[in-house]
Amino acid sequence: MSLFSAKRIIACLGIWGLLAGSPLVANDVYQVLKTPVEGYKKVVPGKQLEFPKDHGMHPEYRIEWWYITANLKDEQGRDWGLQWTLFRQAMDAKPVVNGWGSNQLWMAHAAISAPDKHRFAERFARGGIGQAGVTVVGSPDQSQPNFEVWLDDWSWKAESANPFPSQLHFGVDDTEVNVQLSSDASWVLQGDQGFSQKSGQGQASYYYSQPKIQVQGDIVYQGQTLKVNGNAWLDREWSSQPLAESQQGWDWFSLHLNDGRSLMVFQLRQDSGDNWLSGSLVEVDGSSQSLSVTDIQLKVLERRTIILPEAGASPATKQVELPLRWEISLPKLGQRWEVEALSDNQWMGTQFPYWEGVVRVDGGRAGMGYMELTGYPLLN
């Protein structure tokens, strides 16, 4: 290991210790999303999102992410899933500092749901030294006007200040992804024109999506280059405190329906059981309508216990019970879908552990999508 690499690892572990508490991984690893910290800008209603500027980073807020999921098929008709996410976390509310004294931590997650198994990886980087970042589009001193998101050699690079068209590149274990992303659809502003309320206590984020992304490219898998194509979904959020203390975690769904529409719904699980629900339904022409708790019904149809892959067959094997089959209903619109995991074992055994993977809508007859489940306790 080089001195440079050692410095990087020590720096990242030190920051992560501050994030998760002491020891490095606290019992409630999502506490960082719940804890209020003074000095950061607050998310308030009425802000007008600006593009392409808001595709860049927002260091005056504590946390944000760039989140891509994709449902693909290869030439043999097999289903593939891709997830690639870059997270930014500010360590304090001071202006951005460059160099080794940077107050910005970057974390990236990547996952590939292949026909045989689910593969995932996680990387960390300290900001300010060129190893991770996001091009701040629209800056007057910006020498590179193109949108770009990267951590090491994992990258998402566009041909302009707009994120599309662009190329996504990353690798996990023996599998490498090189795909092109394109979209000319309008941005979907979630919640109230991008103000996405997360609780009745004031927690919120700025949140927009692009559900209509076309994907084509290659996956190098077990020494073979496979042609793939399909649809992707981009979520963008930034906040200073996205969760309330009374919230345990969330269940999130993004669905590409076969009739050309797109559906996103999520619920934040409250201790009281009175969960916070929100979402949007995007029509074929790109128009969208916001959905609230009075529009959405989520019902768990089946819970299943999975053995965590990193635990192996040791006597201390850990398990987790997860709701992997759901019913999503929009009663006012007379709509109902059954959503089920394509494969149970799509667990992300990262520092912030969660389940994220491909789902079928009505067995695949009505569409495909992605589901994310967080905050479920591990079982010994």
Protein backbone atom coordinates (compact mmCIF):
# COMPACT_ATOMS: atom_id res chain seq x y z
CA MET A 1 0.00 0.00 0.00
CA SER A 2 1.38 3.42 -0.95
CA LEU A 3 1.60 6.25 1.56
CA PHE A 4 -0.98 8.10 -0.54
CA SER A 5 -3.42 5.18 -0.29
CA ALA A 6 -2.81 4.81 3.43
CA LYS A 7 -3.53 8.49 4.01
CA ARG A 8 -6.73 8.20 2.04
CA ILE A 9 -7.98 5.17 4.00
CA ILE A 10 -7.11 6.73 7.36
CA ALA A 11 -8.85 9.95 6.40
CA CYS A 12 -11.99 8.16 5.23
CA LEU A 13 -12.16 5.91 8.28
CA GLY A 14 -11.71 8.93 10.53
CA ILE A 15 -14.55 10.79 8.87
CA TRP A 16 -16.73 7.70 8.85
CA GLY A 17 -16.17 7.36 12.57
CA LEU A 18 -17.53 10.86 13.01
CA LEU A 19 -20.51 10.05 10.79
CA ALA A 20 -21.55 6.77 12.34
CA GLY A 21 -20.41 7.42 15.89
CA SER A 22 -17.98 5.39 17.98
CA PRO A 23 -17.32 2.60 17.21
CA LEU A 24 -17.30 3.16 13.44
CA VAL A 25 -20.68 1.53 12.87
CA ALA A 26 -23.24 2.49 15.48
CA ASN A 27 -26.36 0.49 16.33
CA ASP A 28 -28.52 2.91 14.37
CA VAL A 29 -26.44 3.61 11.28
CA TYR A 30 -29.11 5.97 9.96
CA GLN A 31 -28.83 8.29 12.96
CA VAL A 32 -26.76 10.71 10.88
CA LEU A 33 -29.84 11.32 8.71
CA LYS A 34 -31.98 12.11 11.77
CA THR A 35 -29.70 14.30 13.88
CA PRO A 36 -30.19 18.06 13.48
CA VAL A 37 -26.94 20.05 13.14
CA GLU A 38 -26.82 23.82 13.22
CA GLY A 39 -25.24 25.95 10.52
CA TYR A 40 -26.50 24.15 7.42
CA LYS A 41 -29.07 25.65 5.11
CA LYS A 42 -32.62 24.44 5.69
CA VAL A 43 -34.95 22.99 3.08
CA VAL A 44 -37.98 25.25 2.76
CA PRO A 45 -40.93 25.33 0.36
CA GLY A 46 -41.05 27.80 -2.50
CA LYS A 47 -37.53 27.37 -3.84
CA GLN A 48 -37.38 27.26 -7.63
CA LEU A 49 -35.02 24.57 -8.90
CA GLU A 50 -32.58 25.79 -11.56
CA PHE A 51 -31.18 23.62 -14.33
CA PRO A 52 -28.45 22.87 -15.17
CA LYS A 53 -27.11 24.48 -11.97
CA ASP A 54 -28.93 22.12 -9.58
CA HIS A 55 -27.39 19.06 -11.23
CA GLY A 56 -24.20 20.10 -9.39
CA MET A 57 -23.39 19.92 -5.68
CA HIS A 58 -24.99 21.96 -2.89
CA PRO A 59 -22.33 22.24 -0.16
CA GLU A 60 -24.46 24.55 1.97
CA TYR A 61 -26.64 21.49 2.70
CA ARG A 62 -25.40 18.57 4.76
CA ILE A 63 -26.05 15.58 2.49
CA GLU A 64 -27.01 14.82 -1.11
CA TRP A 65 -26.91 12.05 -3.67
CA TRP A 66 -26.99 11.21 -7.39
CA TYR A 67 -28.83 7.88 -7.75
CA ILE A 68 -29.18 5.77 -10.90
CA THR A 69 -30.99 2.44 -11.19
CA ALA A 70 -31.56 0.56 -14.44
CA ASN A 71 -33.63 -2.39 -15.62
CA LEU A 72 -31.97 -4.05 -18.61
CA LYS A 73 -32.16 -7.15 -20.81
CA ASP A 74 -29.35 -8.86 -22.69
CA GLU A 75 -29.60 -10.44 -26.14
CA GLN A 76 -30.76 -13.69 -24.55
CA GLY A 77 -33.68 -11.93 -22.88
CA ARG A 78 -32.23 -12.24 -19.37
CA ASP A 79 -32.94 -9.55 -16.77
CA TRP A 80 -30.15 -7.38 -15.40
CA GLY A 81 -30.19 -4.62 -12.82
CA LEU A 82 -27.72 -1.79 -12.27
CA GLN A 83 -27.39 0.59 -9.35
CA TRP A 84 -24.83 3.38 -9.11
CA THR A 85 -24.91 6.09 -6.47
CA LEU A 86 -22.62 8.89 -5.34
CA PHE A 87 -23.23 10.41 -1.91
CA ARG A 88 -21.77 13.65 -0.58
CA GLN A 89 -21.63 14.35 3.16
CA ALA A 90 -20.41 17.62 4.64
CA MET A 91 -18.48 17.28 7.90
CA ASP A 92 -19.27 20.84 8.99
CA ALA A 93 -21.17 23.86 7.75
CA LYS A 94 -18.07 25.86 6.83
CA PRO A 95 -17.28 26.77 3.20
CA VAL A 96 -15.78 23.97 1.10
CA VAL A 97 -12.09 23.42 1.83
CA ASN A 98 -9.77 21.93 -0.80
CA GLY A 99 -6.81 19.61 -0.22
CA TRP A 100 -6.39 17.10 2.62
CA GLY A 101 -8.23 19.45 4.94
CA SER A 102 -11.42 19.03 2.92
CA ASN A 103 -14.64 18.95 4.90
CA GLN A 104 -16.46 16.86 2.27
CA LEU A 105 -16.73 13.06 2.34
CA TRP A 106 -17.74 11.11 -0.76
CA MET A 107 -19.12 7.58 -0.79
CA ALA A 108 -20.15 5.54 -3.84
CA HIS A 109 -22.22 2.36 -4.05
CA ALA A 110 -22.40 0.14 -7.12
CA ALA A 111 -24.36 -3.06 -7.68
CA ILE A 112 -25.04 -5.44 -10.53
CA SER A 113 -27.94 -7.88 -10.34
CA ALA A 114 -26.77 -10.51 -12.83
CA PRO A 115 -28.71 -13.65 -13.80
CA ASP A 116 -26.60 -15.75 -11.42
CA LYS A 117 -26.08 -13.48 -8.38
CA HIS A 118 -26.05 -9.98 -6.94
CA ARG A 119 -22.70 -8.20 -6.76
CA PHE A 120 -22.03 -4.95 -4.91
CA ALA A 121 -19.13 -2.70 -3.97
CA GLU A 122 -18.54 0.43 -1.92
CA ARG A 123 -15.87 3.11 -2.11
CA PHE A 124 -14.93 6.17 -0.09
CA ALA A 125 -12.93 9.28 -0.90
CA ARG A 126 -11.97 12.52 0.79
CA GLY A 127 -13.04 15.58 -1.16
CA GLY A 128 -10.68 18.30 -2.30
CA ILE A 129 -7.94 16.12 -3.82
CA GLY A 130 -9.58 15.21 -7.13
CA GLN A 131 -10.57 11.63 -6.27
CA ALA A 132 -14.29 12.29 -6.19
CA GLY A 133 -16.67 15.06 -7.01
CA VAL A 134 -19.31 16.59 -9.22
CA THR A 135 -18.74 19.24 -11.84
CA VAL A 136 -20.40 22.43 -10.64
CA VAL A 137 -22.15 23.42 -13.83
CA GLY A 138 -22.88 27.07 -14.38
CA SER A 139 -19.91 28.31 -12.34
CA PRO A 140 -18.28 31.31 -14.03
CA ASP A 141 -14.76 29.95 -13.45
CA GLN A 142 -15.64 26.41 -14.58
CA SER A 143 -13.12 25.34 -17.21
CA GLN A 144 -14.96 22.07 -17.91
CA PRO A 145 -18.62 22.90 -18.66
CA ASN A 146 -19.78 19.29 -19.01
CA PHE A 147 -21.68 17.54 -16.23
CA GLU A 148 -19.53 14.86 -14.59
CA VAL A 149 -19.87 12.72 -11.46
CA TRP A 150 -17.03 10.46 -10.34
CA LEU A 151 -15.21 8.58 -7.61
CA ASP A 152 -11.88 7.12 -8.76
CA ASP A 153 -12.53 5.34 -12.07
CA TRP A 154 -16.27 5.01 -11.47
CA SER A 155 -17.72 7.79 -13.56
CA TRP A 156 -20.82 9.27 -15.11
CA LYS A 157 -19.84 11.73 -17.83
CA ALA A 158 -22.14 13.82 -20.00
CA GLU A 159 -21.58 15.59 -23.30
CA SER A 160 -22.88 18.92 -22.02
CA ALA A 161 -24.08 20.65 -18.85
CA ASN A 162 -27.18 18.44 -19.07
CA PRO A 163 -26.74 14.92 -17.60
CA PHE A 164 -27.96 13.40 -20.89
CA PRO A 165 -26.66 12.09 -23.20
CA SER A 166 -23.91 10.57 -21.08
CA GLN A 167 -21.88 7.46 -20.35
CA LEU A 168 -21.85 5.46 -17.11
CA HIS A 169 -18.83 3.32 -16.30
CA PHE A 170 -18.11 1.18 -13.23
CA GLY A 171 -17.01 -2.31 -12.26
CA VAL A 172 -17.85 -4.76 -9.48
CA ASP A 173 -15.68 -7.86 -8.99
CA ASP A 174 -15.31 -9.54 -12.39
CA THR A 175 -18.10 -7.54 -14.06
CA GLU A 176 -17.68 -4.22 -15.86
CA VAL A 177 -20.41 -1.86 -17.05
CA ASN A 178 -20.18 0.62 -19.94
CA VAL A 179 -23.57 2.00 -20.94
CA GLN A 180 -24.93 5.11 -22.64
CA LEU A 181 -27.80 7.06 -21.09
CA SER A 182 -30.11 9.32 -23.07
CA SER A 183 -33.27 11.26 -22.32
CA ASP A 184 -35.07 14.30 -23.67
CA ALA A 185 -37.97 14.16 -21.20
CA SER A 186 -38.87 16.89 -18.74
CA TRP A 187 -37.59 16.71 -15.18
CA VAL A 188 -40.08 15.44 -12.62
CA LEU A 189 -40.16 17.73 -9.58
CA GLN A 190 -41.18 15.57 -6.65
CA GLY A 191 -43.52 16.76 -3.93
CA ASP A 192 -44.47 20.43 -4.22
CA GLN A 193 -42.36 21.64 -7.18
CA GLY A 194 -39.29 19.84 -5.82
CA PHE A 195 -39.97 20.41 -2.10
CA SER A 196 -40.40 16.85 -0.81
CA GLN A 197 -41.75 16.77 2.74
CA LYS A 198 -40.60 13.77 4.78
CA SER A 199 -42.51 14.18 8.07
CA GLY A 200 -44.99 16.31 9.93
CA GLN A 201 -42.13 17.81 11.97
CA GLY A 202 -40.59 19.76 9.10
CA GLN A 203 -38.02 17.34 7.68
CA ALA A 204 -37.77 17.65 3.90
CA SER A 205 -35.48 17.47 0.91
CA TYR A 206 -35.23 19.03 -2.52
CA TYR A 207 -35.99 16.14 -4.85
CA TYR A 208 -36.27 15.70 -8.59
CA SER A 209 -36.17 12.68 -10.88
CA GLN A 210 -35.77 11.58 -14.45
CA PRO A 211 -37.70 8.32 -14.92
CA LYS A 212 -37.52 8.22 -18.71
CA ILE A 213 -33.91 7.32 -19.51
CA GLN A 214 -33.01 4.98 -22.36
CA VAL A 215 -29.99 2.74 -21.84
CA GLN A 216 -27.83 0.74 -24.21
CA GLY A 217 -24.30 -0.57 -24.00
CA ASP A 218 -22.10 -3.41 -22.82
CA ILE A 219 -21.61 -5.50 -19.72
CA VAL A 220 -18.39 -7.50 -19.60
CA TYR A 221 -19.38 -10.57 -17.63
CA GLN A 222 -17.29 -13.68 -17.01
CA GLY A 223 -15.04 -12.75 -19.91
CA GLN A 224 -17.90 -12.17 -22.34
CA THR A 225 -19.15 -8.84 -23.67
CA LEU A 226 -22.94 -8.72 -23.53
CA LYS A 227 -25.11 -6.15 -25.29
CA VAL A 228 -27.82 -4.76 -23.03
CA ASN A 229 -30.62 -2.21 -23.33
CA GLY A 230 -33.50 -0.99 -21.24
CA ASN A 231 -34.62 1.86 -18.98
CA ALA A 232 -33.02 3.78 -16.14
CA TRP A 233 -34.20 6.07 -13.37
CA LEU A 234 -32.32 9.02 -11.85
CA ASP A 235 -33.12 10.43 -8.41
CA ARG A 236 -31.50 13.62 -7.07
CA GLU A 237 -31.93 14.80 -3.51
CA TRP A 238 -30.24 17.15 -1.08
CA SER A 239 -31.10 18.04 2.49
CA SER A 240 -29.67 18.92 5.88
CA GLN A 241 -31.89 16.57 7.90
CA PRO A 242 -33.99 14.24 5.71
CA LEU A 243 -35.40 12.04 8.50
CA ALA A 244 -37.26 12.64 11.76
CA GLU A 245 -36.09 11.00 14.96
CA SER A 246 -39.29 8.91 15.07
CA GLN A 247 -38.66 7.32 11.65
CA GLN A 248 -37.14 3.83 11.45
CA GLY A 249 -36.34 3.64 7.74
CA TRP A 250 -38.07 3.70 4.37
CA ASP A 251 -39.49 1.59 1.55
CA TRP A 252 -39.05 3.07 -1.93
CA PHE A 253 -40.25 1.90 -5.34
CA SER A 254 -39.49 3.17 -8.86
CA LEU A 255 -41.43 1.35 -11.57
CA HIS A 256 -41.23 1.43 -15.38
CA LEU A 257 -44.71 0.33 -16.43
CA ASN A 258 -45.22 -1.43 -19.75
CA ASP A 259 -47.91 1.06 -20.78
CA GLY A 260 -45.24 3.80 -20.88
CA ARG A 261 -46.01 5.39 -17.52
CA SER A 262 -43.62 5.62 -14.55
CA LEU A 263 -44.49 5.36 -10.87
CA MET A 264 -42.50 6.31 -7.78
CA VAL A 265 -43.81 5.83 -4.25
CA PHE A 266 -42.12 5.74 -0.88
CA GLN A 267 -43.07 5.46 2.74
CA LEU A 268 -41.09 6.56 5.78
CA ARG A 269 -41.92 4.17 8.59
CA GLN A 270 -42.90 5.94 11.80
CA ASP A 271 -42.57 4.45 15.28
CA SER A 272 -46.30 5.04 15.70
CA GLY A 273 -47.16 3.08 12.53
CA ASP A 274 -48.67 6.20 10.97
CA ASN A 275 -46.28 6.14 8.03
CA TRP A 276 -45.48 9.10 5.78
CA LEU A 277 -46.24 8.36 2.11
CA SER A 278 -45.47 10.29 -1.05
CA GLY A 279 -44.82 9.70 -4.73
CA SER A 280 -45.59 10.65 -8.32
CA LEU A 281 -47.18 9.14 -11.40
CA VAL A 282 -45.64 10.17 -14.72
CA GLU A 283 -47.75 9.82 -17.86
CA VAL A 284 -46.53 8.72 -21.30
CA ASP A 285 -46.24 12.35 -22.44
CA GLY A 286 -44.03 13.24 -19.46
CA SER A 287 -46.65 15.10 -17.46
CA SER A 288 -46.78 14.10 -13.81
CA GLN A 289 -48.99 14.32 -10.75
CA SER A 290 -47.84 14.28 -7.15
CA LEU A 291 -49.22 11.61 -4.84
CA SER A 292 -49.73 11.98 -1.10
CA VAL A 293 -50.76 9.78 1.79
CA THR A 294 -54.41 10.07 0.74
CA ASP A 295 -53.59 8.74 -2.75
CA ILE A 296 -51.33 5.76 -1.94
CA GLN A 297 -51.90 2.44 -0.23
CA LEU A 298 -48.98 0.10 0.47
CA LYS A 299 -49.61 -3.40 1.75
CA VAL A 300 -47.03 -6.07 2.55
CA LEU A 301 -48.08 -9.39 0.98
CA GLU A 302 -45.13 -11.54 2.02
CA ARG A 303 -42.10 -11.28 4.28
CA ARG A 304 -39.12 -13.54 3.67
CA THR A 305 -35.95 -14.18 5.64
CA ILE A 306 -32.66 -14.03 3.77
CA ILE A 307 -29.19 -15.06 4.90
CA LEU A 308 -26.77 -12.22 4.45
CA PRO A 309 -24.21 -13.26 1.82
CA GLU A 310 -21.19 -11.84 3.62
CA ALA A 311 -21.99 -13.98 6.69
CA GLY A 312 -21.40 -17.29 4.89
CA ALA A 313 -22.19 -20.48 6.78
CA SER A 314 -20.58 -19.54 10.09
CA PRO A 315 -22.39 -20.30 13.38
CA ALA A 316 -22.92 -16.55 13.76
CA THR A 317 -24.71 -16.23 10.43
CA LYS A 318 -26.88 -13.14 10.34
CA GLN A 319 -30.27 -12.95 8.71
CA VAL A 320 -32.82 -10.28 8.00
CA GLU A 321 -36.57 -10.52 7.49
CA LEU A 322 -37.76 -8.30 4.66
CA PRO A 323 -41.07 -7.51 2.94
CA LEU A 324 -40.25 -8.71 -0.59
CA ARG A 325 -43.76 -8.83 -2.06
CA TRP A 326 -46.09 -5.82 -1.93
CA GLU A 327 -49.36 -4.47 -3.21
CA ILE A 328 -49.26 -0.83 -4.39
CA SER A 329 -52.65 0.79 -4.91
CA LEU A 330 -53.83 4.19 -6.08
CA PRO A 331 -57.53 3.86 -5.14
CA LYS A 332 -58.64 7.24 -6.52
CA LEU A 333 -57.29 6.24 -9.94
CA GLY A 334 -58.50 2.64 -9.73
CA GLN A 335 -54.94 1.33 -10.09
CA ARG A 336 -53.33 -1.64 -8.36
CA TRP A 337 -50.05 -3.52 -8.91
CA GLU A 338 -48.27 -6.41 -7.24
CA VAL A 339 -44.53 -5.85 -6.86
CA GLU A 340 -42.11 -8.67 -6.01
CA ALA A 341 -38.35 -9.06 -5.85
CA LEU A 342 -36.83 -10.72 -8.91
CA SER A 343 -34.33 -12.35 -6.53
CA ASP A 344 -34.42 -12.32 -2.74
CA ASN A 345 -30.68 -11.92 -2.29
CA GLN A 346 -30.06 -8.36 -3.48
CA TRP A 347 -28.66 -7.20 -0.16
CA MET A 348 -26.20 -4.31 0.03
CA GLY A 349 -23.79 -5.24 2.81
CA THR A 350 -22.29 -1.76 2.95
CA GLN A 351 -21.49 0.46 5.95
CA PHE A 352 -25.10 1.63 5.72
CA PRO A 353 -26.69 -1.79 5.01
CA TYR A 354 -29.92 -2.02 3.02
CA TRP A 355 -31.76 -4.07 0.39
CA GLU A 356 -31.84 -2.67 -3.14
CA GLY A 357 -32.77 -4.62 -6.22
CA VAL A 358 -34.83 -5.47 -9.26
CA VAL A 359 -38.57 -6.07 -8.91
CA ARG A 360 -41.24 -7.38 -11.27
CA VAL A 361 -44.60 -5.65 -11.56
CA ASP A 362 -47.44 -8.19 -11.79
CA GLY A 363 -44.89 -10.90 -12.54
CA GLY A 364 -43.30 -8.75 -15.24
CA ARG A 365 -46.50 -8.46 -17.28
CA ALA A 366 -47.03 -4.86 -16.18
CA GLY A 367 -43.43 -3.72 -15.93
CA MET A 368 -40.13 -3.82 -14.06
CA GLY A 369 -38.51 -1.57 -11.51
CA TYR A 370 -36.41 -1.17 -8.41
CA MET A 371 -37.14 -1.37 -4.70
CA GLU A 372 -35.13 -0.09 -1.74
CA LEU A 373 -35.74 -1.25 1.84
CA THR A 374 -33.84 0.33 4.75
CA GLY A 375 -33.83 0.23 8.52
CA TYR A 376 -34.78 -3.43 9.01
CA PRO A 377 -32.95 -5.01 11.97
CA LEU A 378 -30.55 -7.91 11.50
CA LEU A 379 -31.36 -11.22 13.15
CA ASN A 380 -28.76 -13.57 14.67
